[in-house]
Amino acid sequence: GWLIAEVKKKHPEVLFLAEAFTKPKV
């Protein structure tokens, strides 16, 4: 949450795809 927000403060165009095949709530 912190890293994505910090990147987007300077570069709101940056996108992040989560590669997480794990439990639904996670």
mmCIF file of all heavy atoms, coordinates in Angstrom:
data_MODEL
# 
_entry.id   MODEL 
# 
loop_
_atom_site.group_PDB 
_atom_site.id 
_atom_site.type_symbol 
_atom_site.label_atom_id 
_atom_site.label_alt_id 
_atom_site.label_comp_id 
_atom_site.label_asym_id 
_atom_site.label_entity_id 
_atom_site.label_seq_id 
_atom_site.pdbx_PDB_ins_code 
_atom_site.Cartn_x 
_atom_site.Cartn_y 
_atom_site.Cartn_z 
_atom_site.occupancy 
_atom_site.B_iso_or_equiv 
_atom_site.pdbx_formal_charge 
_atom_site.auth_seq_id 
_atom_site.auth_comp_id 
_atom_site.auth_asym_id 
_atom_site.auth_atom_id 
_atom_site.pdbx_PDB_model_num 
ATOM 1   N N   . GLY A 1 1  ? 0.820   -1.205  0.000   1.00 0.00 ? 1  GLY A N   1 
ATOM 2   C CA  . GLY A 1 1  ? 0.000   0.000   0.000   1.00 0.00 ? 1  GLY A CA  1 
ATOM 3   C C   . GLY A 1 1  ? 0.853   1.254   0.000   1.00 0.00 ? 1  GLY A C   1 
ATOM 4   O O   . GLY A 1 1  ? 0.572   2.222   -0.713  1.00 0.00 ? 1  GLY A O   1 
ATOM 5   N N   . TRP A 1 2  ? 1.923   1.223   0.796   1.00 0.00 ? 2  TRP A N   1 
ATOM 6   C CA  . TRP A 1 2  ? 2.835   2.369   0.862   1.00 0.00 ? 2  TRP A CA  1 
ATOM 7   C C   . TRP A 1 2  ? 3.598   2.539   -0.437  1.00 0.00 ? 2  TRP A C   1 
ATOM 8   O O   . TRP A 1 2  ? 3.654   3.646   -0.995  1.00 0.00 ? 2  TRP A O   1 
ATOM 9   C CB  . TRP A 1 2  ? 3.806   2.160   2.032   1.00 0.00 ? 2  TRP A CB  1 
ATOM 10  C CG  . TRP A 1 2  ? 4.912   3.166   2.085   1.00 0.00 ? 2  TRP A CG  1 
ATOM 11  C CD1 . TRP A 1 2  ? 4.849   4.417   2.630   1.00 0.00 ? 2  TRP A CD1 1 
ATOM 12  C CD2 . TRP A 1 2  ? 6.248   3.004   1.576   1.00 0.00 ? 2  TRP A CD2 1 
ATOM 13  N NE1 . TRP A 1 2  ? 6.070   5.051   2.486   1.00 0.00 ? 2  TRP A NE1 1 
ATOM 14  C CE2 . TRP A 1 2  ? 6.942   4.204   1.851   1.00 0.00 ? 2  TRP A CE2 1 
ATOM 15  C CE3 . TRP A 1 2  ? 6.917   1.973   0.924   1.00 0.00 ? 2  TRP A CE3 1 
ATOM 16  C CZ2 . TRP A 1 2  ? 8.274   4.392   1.485   1.00 0.00 ? 2  TRP A CZ2 1 
ATOM 17  C CZ3 . TRP A 1 2  ? 8.237   2.153   0.557   1.00 0.00 ? 2  TRP A CZ3 1 
ATOM 18  C CH2 . TRP A 1 2  ? 8.912   3.353   0.840   1.00 0.00 ? 2  TRP A CH2 1 
ATOM 19  N N   . LEU A 1 3  ? 4.206   1.473   -0.955  1.00 0.00 ? 3  LEU A N   1 
ATOM 20  C CA  . LEU A 1 3  ? 5.044   1.595   -2.148  1.00 0.00 ? 3  LEU A CA  1 
ATOM 21  C C   . LEU A 1 3  ? 4.243   2.068   -3.353  1.00 0.00 ? 3  LEU A C   1 
ATOM 22  O O   . LEU A 1 3  ? 4.667   2.969   -4.084  1.00 0.00 ? 3  LEU A O   1 
ATOM 23  C CB  . LEU A 1 3  ? 5.726   0.263   -2.453  1.00 0.00 ? 3  LEU A CB  1 
ATOM 24  C CG  . LEU A 1 3  ? 6.668   0.279   -3.667  1.00 0.00 ? 3  LEU A CG  1 
ATOM 25  C CD1 . LEU A 1 3  ? 7.939   -0.519  -3.383  1.00 0.00 ? 3  LEU A CD1 1 
ATOM 26  C CD2 . LEU A 1 3  ? 5.997   -0.281  -4.917  1.00 0.00 ? 3  LEU A CD2 1 
ATOM 27  N N   . ILE A 1 4  ? 3.072   1.463   -3.570  1.00 0.00 ? 4  ILE A N   1 
ATOM 28  C CA  . ILE A 1 4  ? 2.258   1.854   -4.729  1.00 0.00 ? 4  ILE A CA  1 
ATOM 29  C C   . ILE A 1 4  ? 1.844   3.317   -4.622  1.00 0.00 ? 4  ILE A C   1 
ATOM 30  O O   . ILE A 1 4  ? 1.903   4.080   -5.601  1.00 0.00 ? 4  ILE A O   1 
ATOM 31  C CB  . ILE A 1 4  ? 1.043   0.920   -4.860  1.00 0.00 ? 4  ILE A CB  1 
ATOM 32  C CG1 . ILE A 1 4  ? 1.515   -0.496  -5.226  1.00 0.00 ? 4  ILE A CG1 1 
ATOM 33  C CG2 . ILE A 1 4  ? 0.062   1.443   -5.905  1.00 0.00 ? 4  ILE A CG2 1 
ATOM 34  C CD1 . ILE A 1 4  ? 0.420   -1.545  -5.167  1.00 0.00 ? 4  ILE A CD1 1 
ATOM 35  N N   . ALA A 1 5  ? 1.442   3.725   -3.412  1.00 0.00 ? 5  ALA A N   1 
ATOM 36  C CA  . ALA A 1 5  ? 1.040   5.125   -3.223  1.00 0.00 ? 5  ALA A CA  1 
ATOM 37  C C   . ALA A 1 5  ? 2.210   6.077   -3.463  1.00 0.00 ? 5  ALA A C   1 
ATOM 38  O O   . ALA A 1 5  ? 2.045   7.143   -4.076  1.00 0.00 ? 5  ALA A O   1 
ATOM 39  C CB  . ALA A 1 5  ? 0.473   5.315   -1.818  1.00 0.00 ? 5  ALA A CB  1 
ATOM 40  N N   . GLU A 1 6  ? 3.405   5.699   -2.994  1.00 0.00 ? 6  GLU A N   1 
ATOM 41  C CA  . GLU A 1 6  ? 4.576   6.561   -3.174  1.00 0.00 ? 6  GLU A CA  1 
ATOM 42  C C   . GLU A 1 6  ? 4.953   6.689   -4.650  1.00 0.00 ? 6  GLU A C   1 
ATOM 43  O O   . GLU A 1 6  ? 5.307   7.772   -5.121  1.00 0.00 ? 6  GLU A O   1 
ATOM 44  C CB  . GLU A 1 6  ? 5.759   6.008   -2.372  1.00 0.00 ? 6  GLU A CB  1 
ATOM 45  C CG  . GLU A 1 6  ? 5.618   6.157   -0.865  1.00 0.00 ? 6  GLU A CG  1 
ATOM 46  C CD  . GLU A 1 6  ? 5.547   7.607   -0.426  1.00 0.00 ? 6  GLU A CD  1 
ATOM 47  O OE1 . GLU A 1 6  ? 6.428   8.390   -0.819  1.00 0.00 ? 6  GLU A OE1 1 
ATOM 48  O OE2 . GLU A 1 6  ? 4.589   7.962   0.302   1.00 0.00 ? 6  GLU A OE2 1 
ATOM 49  N N   . VAL A 1 7  ? 4.893   5.584   -5.377  1.00 0.00 ? 7  VAL A N   1 
ATOM 50  C CA  . VAL A 1 7  ? 5.190   5.648   -6.812  1.00 0.00 ? 7  VAL A CA  1 
ATOM 51  C C   . VAL A 1 7  ? 4.185   6.543   -7.520  1.00 0.00 ? 7  VAL A C   1 
ATOM 52  O O   . VAL A 1 7  ? 4.539   7.388   -8.350  1.00 0.00 ? 7  VAL A O   1 
ATOM 53  C CB  . VAL A 1 7  ? 5.199   4.236   -7.429  1.00 0.00 ? 7  VAL A CB  1 
ATOM 54  C CG1 . VAL A 1 7  ? 5.284   4.321   -8.954  1.00 0.00 ? 7  VAL A CG1 1 
ATOM 55  C CG2 . VAL A 1 7  ? 6.374   3.416   -6.888  1.00 0.00 ? 7  VAL A CG2 1 
ATOM 56  N N   . LYS A 1 8  ? 2.910   6.379   -7.169  1.00 0.00 ? 8  LYS A N   1 
ATOM 57  C CA  . LYS A 1 8  ? 1.862   7.125   -7.868  1.00 0.00 ? 8  LYS A CA  1 
ATOM 58  C C   . LYS A 1 8  ? 1.842   8.611   -7.511  1.00 0.00 ? 8  LYS A C   1 
ATOM 59  O O   . LYS A 1 8  ? 1.294   9.417   -8.265  1.00 0.00 ? 8  LYS A O   1 
ATOM 60  C CB  . LYS A 1 8  ? 0.498   6.470   -7.612  1.00 0.00 ? 8  LYS A CB  1 
ATOM 61  C CG  . LYS A 1 8  ? 0.304   5.191   -8.410  1.00 0.00 ? 8  LYS A CG  1 
ATOM 62  C CD  . LYS A 1 8  ? -1.075  4.595   -8.182  1.00 0.00 ? 8  LYS A CD  1 
ATOM 63  C CE  . LYS A 1 8  ? -1.342  3.472   -9.173  1.00 0.00 ? 8  LYS A CE  1 
ATOM 64  N NZ  . LYS A 1 8  ? -1.544  3.965   -10.550 1.00 0.00 ? 8  LYS A NZ  1 
ATOM 65  N N   . LYS A 1 9  ? 2.432   8.970   -6.387  1.00 0.00 ? 9  LYS A N   1 
ATOM 66  C CA  . LYS A 1 9  ? 2.541   10.398  -6.077  1.00 0.00 ? 9  LYS A CA  1 
ATOM 67  C C   . LYS A 1 9  ? 3.324   11.123  -7.162  1.00 0.00 ? 9  LYS A C   1 
ATOM 68  O O   . LYS A 1 9  ? 3.000   12.239  -7.563  1.00 0.00 ? 9  LYS A O   1 
ATOM 69  C CB  . LYS A 1 9  ? 3.250   10.587  -4.728  1.00 0.00 ? 9  LYS A CB  1 
ATOM 70  C CG  . LYS A 1 9  ? 2.386   10.364  -3.511  1.00 0.00 ? 9  LYS A CG  1 
ATOM 71  C CD  . LYS A 1 9  ? 3.194   10.600  -2.240  1.00 0.00 ? 9  LYS A CD  1 
ATOM 72  C CE  . LYS A 1 9  ? 2.388   10.279  -0.998  1.00 0.00 ? 9  LYS A CE  1 
ATOM 73  N NZ  . LYS A 1 9  ? 3.202   10.458  0.242   1.00 0.00 ? 9  LYS A NZ  1 
ATOM 74  N N   . LYS A 1 10 ? 4.377   10.472  -7.633  1.00 0.00 ? 10 LYS A N   1 
ATOM 75  C CA  . LYS A 1 10 ? 5.228   11.074  -8.671  1.00 0.00 ? 10 LYS A CA  1 
ATOM 76  C C   . LYS A 1 10 ? 4.790   10.662  -10.068 1.00 0.00 ? 10 LYS A C   1 
ATOM 77  O O   . LYS A 1 10 ? 4.916   11.438  -11.019 1.00 0.00 ? 10 LYS A O   1 
ATOM 78  C CB  . LYS A 1 10 ? 6.684   10.656  -8.459  1.00 0.00 ? 10 LYS A CB  1 
ATOM 79  C CG  . LYS A 1 10 ? 7.336   11.197  -7.207  1.00 0.00 ? 10 LYS A CG  1 
ATOM 80  C CD  . LYS A 1 10 ? 8.810   10.787  -7.153  1.00 0.00 ? 10 LYS A CD  1 
ATOM 81  C CE  . LYS A 1 10 ? 9.519   11.393  -5.964  1.00 0.00 ? 10 LYS A CE  1 
ATOM 82  N NZ  . LYS A 1 10 ? 10.958  11.013  -5.913  1.00 0.00 ? 10 LYS A NZ  1 
ATOM 83  N N   . HIS A 1 11 ? 4.282   9.435   -10.178 1.00 0.00 ? 11 HIS A N   1 
ATOM 84  C CA  . HIS A 1 11 ? 3.994   8.872   -11.499 1.00 0.00 ? 11 HIS A CA  1 
ATOM 85  C C   . HIS A 1 11 ? 2.641   8.143   -11.455 1.00 0.00 ? 11 HIS A C   1 
ATOM 86  O O   . HIS A 1 11 ? 2.591   6.908   -11.392 1.00 0.00 ? 11 HIS A O   1 
ATOM 87  C CB  . HIS A 1 11 ? 5.104   7.914   -11.918 1.00 0.00 ? 11 HIS A CB  1 
ATOM 88  C CG  . HIS A 1 11 ? 6.469   8.518   -11.874 1.00 0.00 ? 11 HIS A CG  1 
ATOM 89  N ND1 . HIS A 1 11 ? 6.936   9.373   -12.853 1.00 0.00 ? 11 HIS A ND1 1 
ATOM 90  C CD2 . HIS A 1 11 ? 7.468   8.418   -10.957 1.00 0.00 ? 11 HIS A CD2 1 
ATOM 91  C CE1 . HIS A 1 11 ? 8.159   9.771   -12.546 1.00 0.00 ? 11 HIS A CE1 1 
ATOM 92  N NE2 . HIS A 1 11 ? 8.505   9.206   -11.407 1.00 0.00 ? 11 HIS A NE2 1 
ATOM 93  N N   . PRO A 1 12 ? 1.546   8.885   -11.494 1.00 0.00 ? 12 PRO A N   1 
ATOM 94  C CA  . PRO A 1 12 ? 0.223   8.255   -11.377 1.00 0.00 ? 12 PRO A CA  1 
ATOM 95  C C   . PRO A 1 12 ? -0.109  7.306   -12.516 1.00 0.00 ? 12 PRO A C   1 
ATOM 96  O O   . PRO A 1 12 ? -1.038  6.507   -12.399 1.00 0.00 ? 12 PRO A O   1 
ATOM 97  C CB  . PRO A 1 12 ? -0.737  9.456   -11.361 1.00 0.00 ? 12 PRO A CB  1 
ATOM 98  C CG  . PRO A 1 12 ? 0.028   10.579  -11.979 1.00 0.00 ? 12 PRO A CG  1 
ATOM 99  C CD  . PRO A 1 12 ? 1.457   10.345  -11.605 1.00 0.00 ? 12 PRO A CD  1 
ATOM 100 N N   . GLU A 1 13 ? 0.658   7.367   -13.601 1.00 0.00 ? 13 GLU A N   1 
ATOM 101 C CA  . GLU A 1 13 ? 0.387   6.507   -14.754 1.00 0.00 ? 13 GLU A CA  1 
ATOM 102 C C   . GLU A 1 13 ? 0.870   5.074   -14.552 1.00 0.00 ? 13 GLU A C   1 
ATOM 103 O O   . GLU A 1 13 ? 0.496   4.167   -15.316 1.00 0.00 ? 13 GLU A O   1 
ATOM 104 C CB  . GLU A 1 13 ? 1.042   7.085   -16.006 1.00 0.00 ? 13 GLU A CB  1 
ATOM 105 C CG  . GLU A 1 13 ? 2.560   6.913   -16.098 1.00 0.00 ? 13 GLU A CG  1 
ATOM 106 C CD  . GLU A 1 13 ? 3.377   7.879   -15.253 1.00 0.00 ? 13 GLU A CD  1 
ATOM 107 O OE1 . GLU A 1 13 ? 2.760   8.726   -14.553 1.00 0.00 ? 13 GLU A OE1 1 
ATOM 108 O OE2 . GLU A 1 13 ? 4.617   7.799   -15.283 1.00 0.00 ? 13 GLU A OE2 1 
ATOM 109 N N   . VAL A 1 14 ? 1.669   4.818   -13.527 1.00 0.00 ? 14 VAL A N   1 
ATOM 110 C CA  . VAL A 1 14 ? 2.279   3.500   -13.342 1.00 0.00 ? 14 VAL A CA  1 
ATOM 111 C C   . VAL A 1 14 ? 1.239   2.500   -12.820 1.00 0.00 ? 14 VAL A C   1 
ATOM 112 O O   . VAL A 1 14 ? 0.484   2.797   -11.897 1.00 0.00 ? 14 VAL A O   1 
ATOM 113 C CB  . VAL A 1 14 ? 3.480   3.571   -12.386 1.00 0.00 ? 14 VAL A CB  1 
ATOM 114 C CG1 . VAL A 1 14 ? 4.062   2.173   -12.151 1.00 0.00 ? 14 VAL A CG1 1 
ATOM 115 C CG2 . VAL A 1 14 ? 4.555   4.488   -12.970 1.00 0.00 ? 14 VAL A CG2 1 
ATOM 116 N N   . LEU A 1 15 ? 1.228   1.312   -13.432 1.00 0.00 ? 15 LEU A N   1 
ATOM 117 C CA  . LEU A 1 15 ? 0.278   0.256   -13.078 1.00 0.00 ? 15 LEU A CA  1 
ATOM 118 C C   . LEU A 1 15 ? 1.023   -0.935  -12.487 1.00 0.00 ? 15 LEU A C   1 
ATOM 119 O O   . LEU A 1 15 ? 2.180   -1.192  -12.835 1.00 0.00 ? 15 LEU A O   1 
ATOM 120 C CB  . LEU A 1 15 ? -0.508  -0.190  -14.315 1.00 0.00 ? 15 LEU A CB  1 
ATOM 121 C CG  . LEU A 1 15 ? -1.193  0.907   -15.130 1.00 0.00 ? 15 LEU A CG  1 
ATOM 122 C CD1 . LEU A 1 15 ? -1.879  0.308   -16.357 1.00 0.00 ? 15 LEU A CD1 1 
ATOM 123 C CD2 . LEU A 1 15 ? -2.195  1.679   -14.275 1.00 0.00 ? 15 LEU A CD2 1 
ATOM 124 N N   . PHE A 1 16 ? 0.339   -1.676  -11.619 1.00 0.00 ? 16 PHE A N   1 
ATOM 125 C CA  . PHE A 1 16 ? 0.920   -2.838  -10.959 1.00 0.00 ? 16 PHE A CA  1 
ATOM 126 C C   . PHE A 1 16 ? -0.019  -4.034  -11.100 1.00 0.00 ? 16 PHE A C   1 
ATOM 127 O O   . PHE A 1 16 ? -1.208  -3.942  -10.762 1.00 0.00 ? 16 PHE A O   1 
ATOM 128 C CB  . PHE A 1 16 ? 1.147   -2.559  -9.470  1.00 0.00 ? 16 PHE A CB  1 
ATOM 129 C CG  . PHE A 1 16 ? 2.186   -1.516  -9.178  1.00 0.00 ? 16 PHE A CG  1 
ATOM 130 C CD1 . PHE A 1 16 ? 1.861   -0.160  -9.199  1.00 0.00 ? 16 PHE A CD1 1 
ATOM 131 C CD2 . PHE A 1 16 ? 3.491   -1.872  -8.890  1.00 0.00 ? 16 PHE A CD2 1 
ATOM 132 C CE1 . PHE A 1 16 ? 2.814   0.811   -8.924  1.00 0.00 ? 16 PHE A CE1 1 
ATOM 133 C CE2 . PHE A 1 16 ? 4.461   -0.904  -8.617  1.00 0.00 ? 16 PHE A CE2 1 
ATOM 134 C CZ  . PHE A 1 16 ? 4.119   0.445   -8.640  1.00 0.00 ? 16 PHE A CZ  1 
ATOM 135 N N   . LEU A 1 17 ? 0.516   -5.145  -11.601 1.00 0.00 ? 17 LEU A N   1 
ATOM 136 C CA  . LEU A 1 17 ? -0.227  -6.409  -11.704 1.00 0.00 ? 17 LEU A CA  1 
ATOM 137 C C   . LEU A 1 17 ? 0.268   -7.347  -10.619 1.00 0.00 ? 17 LEU A C   1 
ATOM 138 O O   . LEU A 1 17 ? 1.465   -7.644  -10.533 1.00 0.00 ? 17 LEU A O   1 
ATOM 139 C CB  . LEU A 1 17 ? -0.018  -7.039  -13.082 1.00 0.00 ? 17 LEU A CB  1 
ATOM 140 C CG  . LEU A 1 17 ? -0.488  -8.488  -13.258 1.00 0.00 ? 17 LEU A CG  1 
ATOM 141 C CD1 . LEU A 1 17 ? -1.991  -8.620  -13.097 1.00 0.00 ? 17 LEU A CD1 1 
ATOM 142 C CD2 . LEU A 1 17 ? -0.053  -9.039  -14.615 1.00 0.00 ? 17 LEU A CD2 1 
ATOM 143 N N   . ALA A 1 18 ? -0.649  -7.856  -9.794  1.00 0.00 ? 18 ALA A N   1 
ATOM 144 C CA  . ALA A 1 18 ? -0.298  -8.760  -8.698  1.00 0.00 ? 18 ALA A CA  1 
ATOM 145 C C   . ALA A 1 18 ? -0.316  -10.205 -9.173  1.00 0.00 ? 18 ALA A C   1 
ATOM 146 O O   . ALA A 1 18 ? -1.355  -10.710 -9.600  1.00 0.00 ? 18 ALA A O   1 
ATOM 147 C CB  . ALA A 1 18 ? -1.269  -8.577  -7.538  1.00 0.00 ? 18 ALA A CB  1 
ATOM 148 N N   . GLU A 1 19 ? 0.846   -10.859 -9.108  1.00 0.00 ? 19 GLU A N   1 
ATOM 149 C CA  . GLU A 1 19 ? 0.937   -12.277 -9.424  1.00 0.00 ? 19 GLU A CA  1 
ATOM 150 C C   . GLU A 1 19 ? 0.838   -13.041 -8.106  1.00 0.00 ? 19 GLU A C   1 
ATOM 151 O O   . GLU A 1 19 ? 1.833   -13.294 -7.434  1.00 0.00 ? 19 GLU A O   1 
ATOM 152 C CB  . GLU A 1 19 ? 2.263   -12.591 -10.136 1.00 0.00 ? 19 GLU A CB  1 
ATOM 153 C CG  . GLU A 1 19 ? 2.383   -14.023 -10.625 1.00 0.00 ? 19 GLU A CG  1 
ATOM 154 C CD  . GLU A 1 19 ? 3.190   -14.924 -9.700  1.00 0.00 ? 19 GLU A CD  1 
ATOM 155 O OE1 . GLU A 1 19 ? 3.790   -14.430 -8.719  1.00 0.00 ? 19 GLU A OE1 1 
ATOM 156 O OE2 . GLU A 1 19 ? 3.232   -16.139 -9.967  1.00 0.00 ? 19 GLU A OE2 1 
ATOM 157 N N   . ALA A 1 20 ? -0.393  -13.344 -7.716  1.00 0.00 ? 20 ALA A N   1 
ATOM 158 C CA  . ALA A 1 20 ? -0.607  -14.006 -6.426  1.00 0.00 ? 20 ALA A CA  1 
ATOM 159 C C   . ALA A 1 20 ? -1.686  -15.071 -6.585  1.00 0.00 ? 20 ALA A C   1 
ATOM 160 O O   . ALA A 1 20 ? -2.872  -14.774 -6.527  1.00 0.00 ? 20 ALA A O   1 
ATOM 161 C CB  . ALA A 1 20 ? -1.016  -12.975 -5.368  1.00 0.00 ? 20 ALA A CB  1 
ATOM 162 N N   . PHE A 1 21 ? -1.271  -16.290 -6.807  1.00 0.00 ? 21 PHE A N   1 
ATOM 163 C CA  . PHE A 1 21 ? -2.216  -17.405 -6.854  1.00 0.00 ? 21 PHE A CA  1 
ATOM 164 C C   . PHE A 1 21 ? -2.263  -18.010 -5.452  1.00 0.00 ? 21 PHE A C   1 
ATOM 165 O O   . PHE A 1 21 ? -1.516  -18.932 -5.125  1.00 0.00 ? 21 PHE A O   1 
ATOM 166 C CB  . PHE A 1 21 ? -1.763  -18.450 -7.885  1.00 0.00 ? 21 PHE A CB  1 
ATOM 167 C CG  . PHE A 1 21 ? -1.716  -17.939 -9.289  1.00 0.00 ? 21 PHE A CG  1 
ATOM 168 C CD1 . PHE A 1 21 ? -0.506  -17.667 -9.907  1.00 0.00 ? 21 PHE A CD1 1 
ATOM 169 C CD2 . PHE A 1 21 ? -2.880  -17.709 -10.007 1.00 0.00 ? 21 PHE A CD2 1 
ATOM 170 C CE1 . PHE A 1 21 ? -0.452  -17.197 -11.215 1.00 0.00 ? 21 PHE A CE1 1 
ATOM 171 C CE2 . PHE A 1 21 ? -2.841  -17.234 -11.312 1.00 0.00 ? 21 PHE A CE2 1 
ATOM 172 C CZ  . PHE A 1 21 ? -1.627  -16.981 -11.915 1.00 0.00 ? 21 PHE A CZ  1 
ATOM 173 N N   . THR A 1 22 ? -3.129  -17.477 -4.625  1.00 0.00 ? 22 THR A N   1 
ATOM 174 C CA  . THR A 1 22 ? -3.146  -17.878 -3.224  1.00 0.00 ? 22 THR A CA  1 
ATOM 175 C C   . THR A 1 22 ? -4.572  -17.801 -2.696  1.00 0.00 ? 22 THR A C   1 
ATOM 176 O O   . THR A 1 22 ? -5.529  -17.841 -3.471  1.00 0.00 ? 22 THR A O   1 
ATOM 177 C CB  . THR A 1 22 ? -2.174  -16.987 -2.420  1.00 0.00 ? 22 THR A CB  1 
ATOM 178 O OG1 . THR A 1 22 ? -2.138  -17.421 -1.064  1.00 0.00 ? 22 THR A OG1 1 
ATOM 179 C CG2 . THR A 1 22 ? -2.558  -15.520 -2.478  1.00 0.00 ? 22 THR A CG2 1 
ATOM 180 N N   . LYS A 1 23 ? -4.741  -17.664 -1.403  1.00 0.00 ? 23 LYS A N   1 
ATOM 181 C CA  . LYS A 1 23 ? -6.070  -17.666 -0.797  1.00 0.00 ? 23 LYS A CA  1 
ATOM 182 C C   . LYS A 1 23 ? -6.879  -16.447 -1.251  1.00 0.00 ? 23 LYS A C   1 
ATOM 183 O O   . LYS A 1 23 ? -6.324  -15.359 -1.430  1.00 0.00 ? 23 LYS A O   1 
ATOM 184 C CB  . LYS A 1 23 ? -5.938  -17.692 0.722   1.00 0.00 ? 23 LYS A CB  1 
ATOM 185 C CG  . LYS A 1 23 ? -5.279  -18.943 1.262   1.00 0.00 ? 23 LYS A CG  1 
ATOM 186 C CD  . LYS A 1 23 ? -5.159  -18.913 2.782   1.00 0.00 ? 23 LYS A CD  1 
ATOM 187 C CE  . LYS A 1 23 ? -4.168  -17.878 3.249   1.00 0.00 ? 23 LYS A CE  1 
ATOM 188 N NZ  . LYS A 1 23 ? -3.974  -17.939 4.720   1.00 0.00 ? 23 LYS A NZ  1 
ATOM 189 N N   . PRO A 1 24 ? -8.190  -16.617 -1.423  1.00 0.00 ? 24 PRO A N   1 
ATOM 190 C CA  . PRO A 1 24 ? -9.011  -15.516 -1.953  1.00 0.00 ? 24 PRO A CA  1 
ATOM 191 C C   . PRO A 1 24 ? -8.884  -14.211 -1.179  1.00 0.00 ? 24 PRO A C   1 
ATOM 192 O O   . PRO A 1 24 ? -8.726  -13.145 -1.777  1.00 0.00 ? 24 PRO A O   1 
ATOM 193 C CB  . PRO A 1 24 ? -10.438 -16.071 -1.874  1.00 0.00 ? 24 PRO A CB  1 
ATOM 194 C CG  . PRO A 1 24 ? -10.277 -17.553 -1.944  1.00 0.00 ? 24 PRO A CG  1 
ATOM 195 C CD  . PRO A 1 24 ? -8.989  -17.849 -1.231  1.00 0.00 ? 24 PRO A CD  1 
ATOM 196 N N   . LYS A 1 25 ? -8.946  -14.268 0.142   1.00 0.00 ? 25 LYS A N   1 
ATOM 197 C CA  . LYS A 1 25 ? -8.914  -13.022 0.915   1.00 0.00 ? 25 LYS A CA  1 
ATOM 198 C C   . LYS A 1 25 ? -7.558  -12.329 0.805   1.00 0.00 ? 25 LYS A C   1 
ATOM 199 O O   . LYS A 1 25 ? -7.473  -11.095 0.867   1.00 0.00 ? 25 LYS A O   1 
ATOM 200 C CB  . LYS A 1 25 ? -9.284  -13.298 2.374   1.00 0.00 ? 25 LYS A CB  1 
ATOM 201 C CG  . LYS A 1 25 ? -10.774 -13.570 2.577   1.00 0.00 ? 25 LYS A CG  1 
ATOM 202 C CD  . LYS A 1 25 ? -11.126 -13.726 4.039   1.00 0.00 ? 25 LYS A CD  1 
ATOM 203 C CE  . LYS A 1 25 ? -12.639 -13.801 4.237   1.00 0.00 ? 25 LYS A CE  1 
ATOM 204 N NZ  . LYS A 1 25 ? -13.275 -14.872 3.493   1.00 0.00 ? 25 LYS A NZ  1 
ATOM 205 N N   . VAL A 1 26 ? -6.506  -13.106 0.646   1.00 0.00 ? 26 VAL A N   1 
ATOM 206 C CA  . VAL A 1 26 ? -5.182  -12.520 0.462   1.00 0.00 ? 26 VAL A CA  1 
ATOM 207 C C   . VAL A 1 26 ? -5.107  -11.804 -0.886  1.00 0.00 ? 26 VAL A C   1 
ATOM 208 O O   . VAL A 1 26 ? -4.608  -10.678 -0.987  1.00 0.00 ? 26 VAL A O   1 
ATOM 209 C CB  . VAL A 1 26 ? -4.094  -13.601 0.570   1.00 0.00 ? 26 VAL A CB  1 
ATOM 210 C CG1 . VAL A 1 26 ? -2.725  -13.034 0.216   1.00 0.00 ? 26 VAL A CG1 1 
ATOM 211 C CG2 . VAL A 1 26 ? -4.065  -14.191 1.988   1.00 0.00 ? 26 VAL A CG2 1 
# 
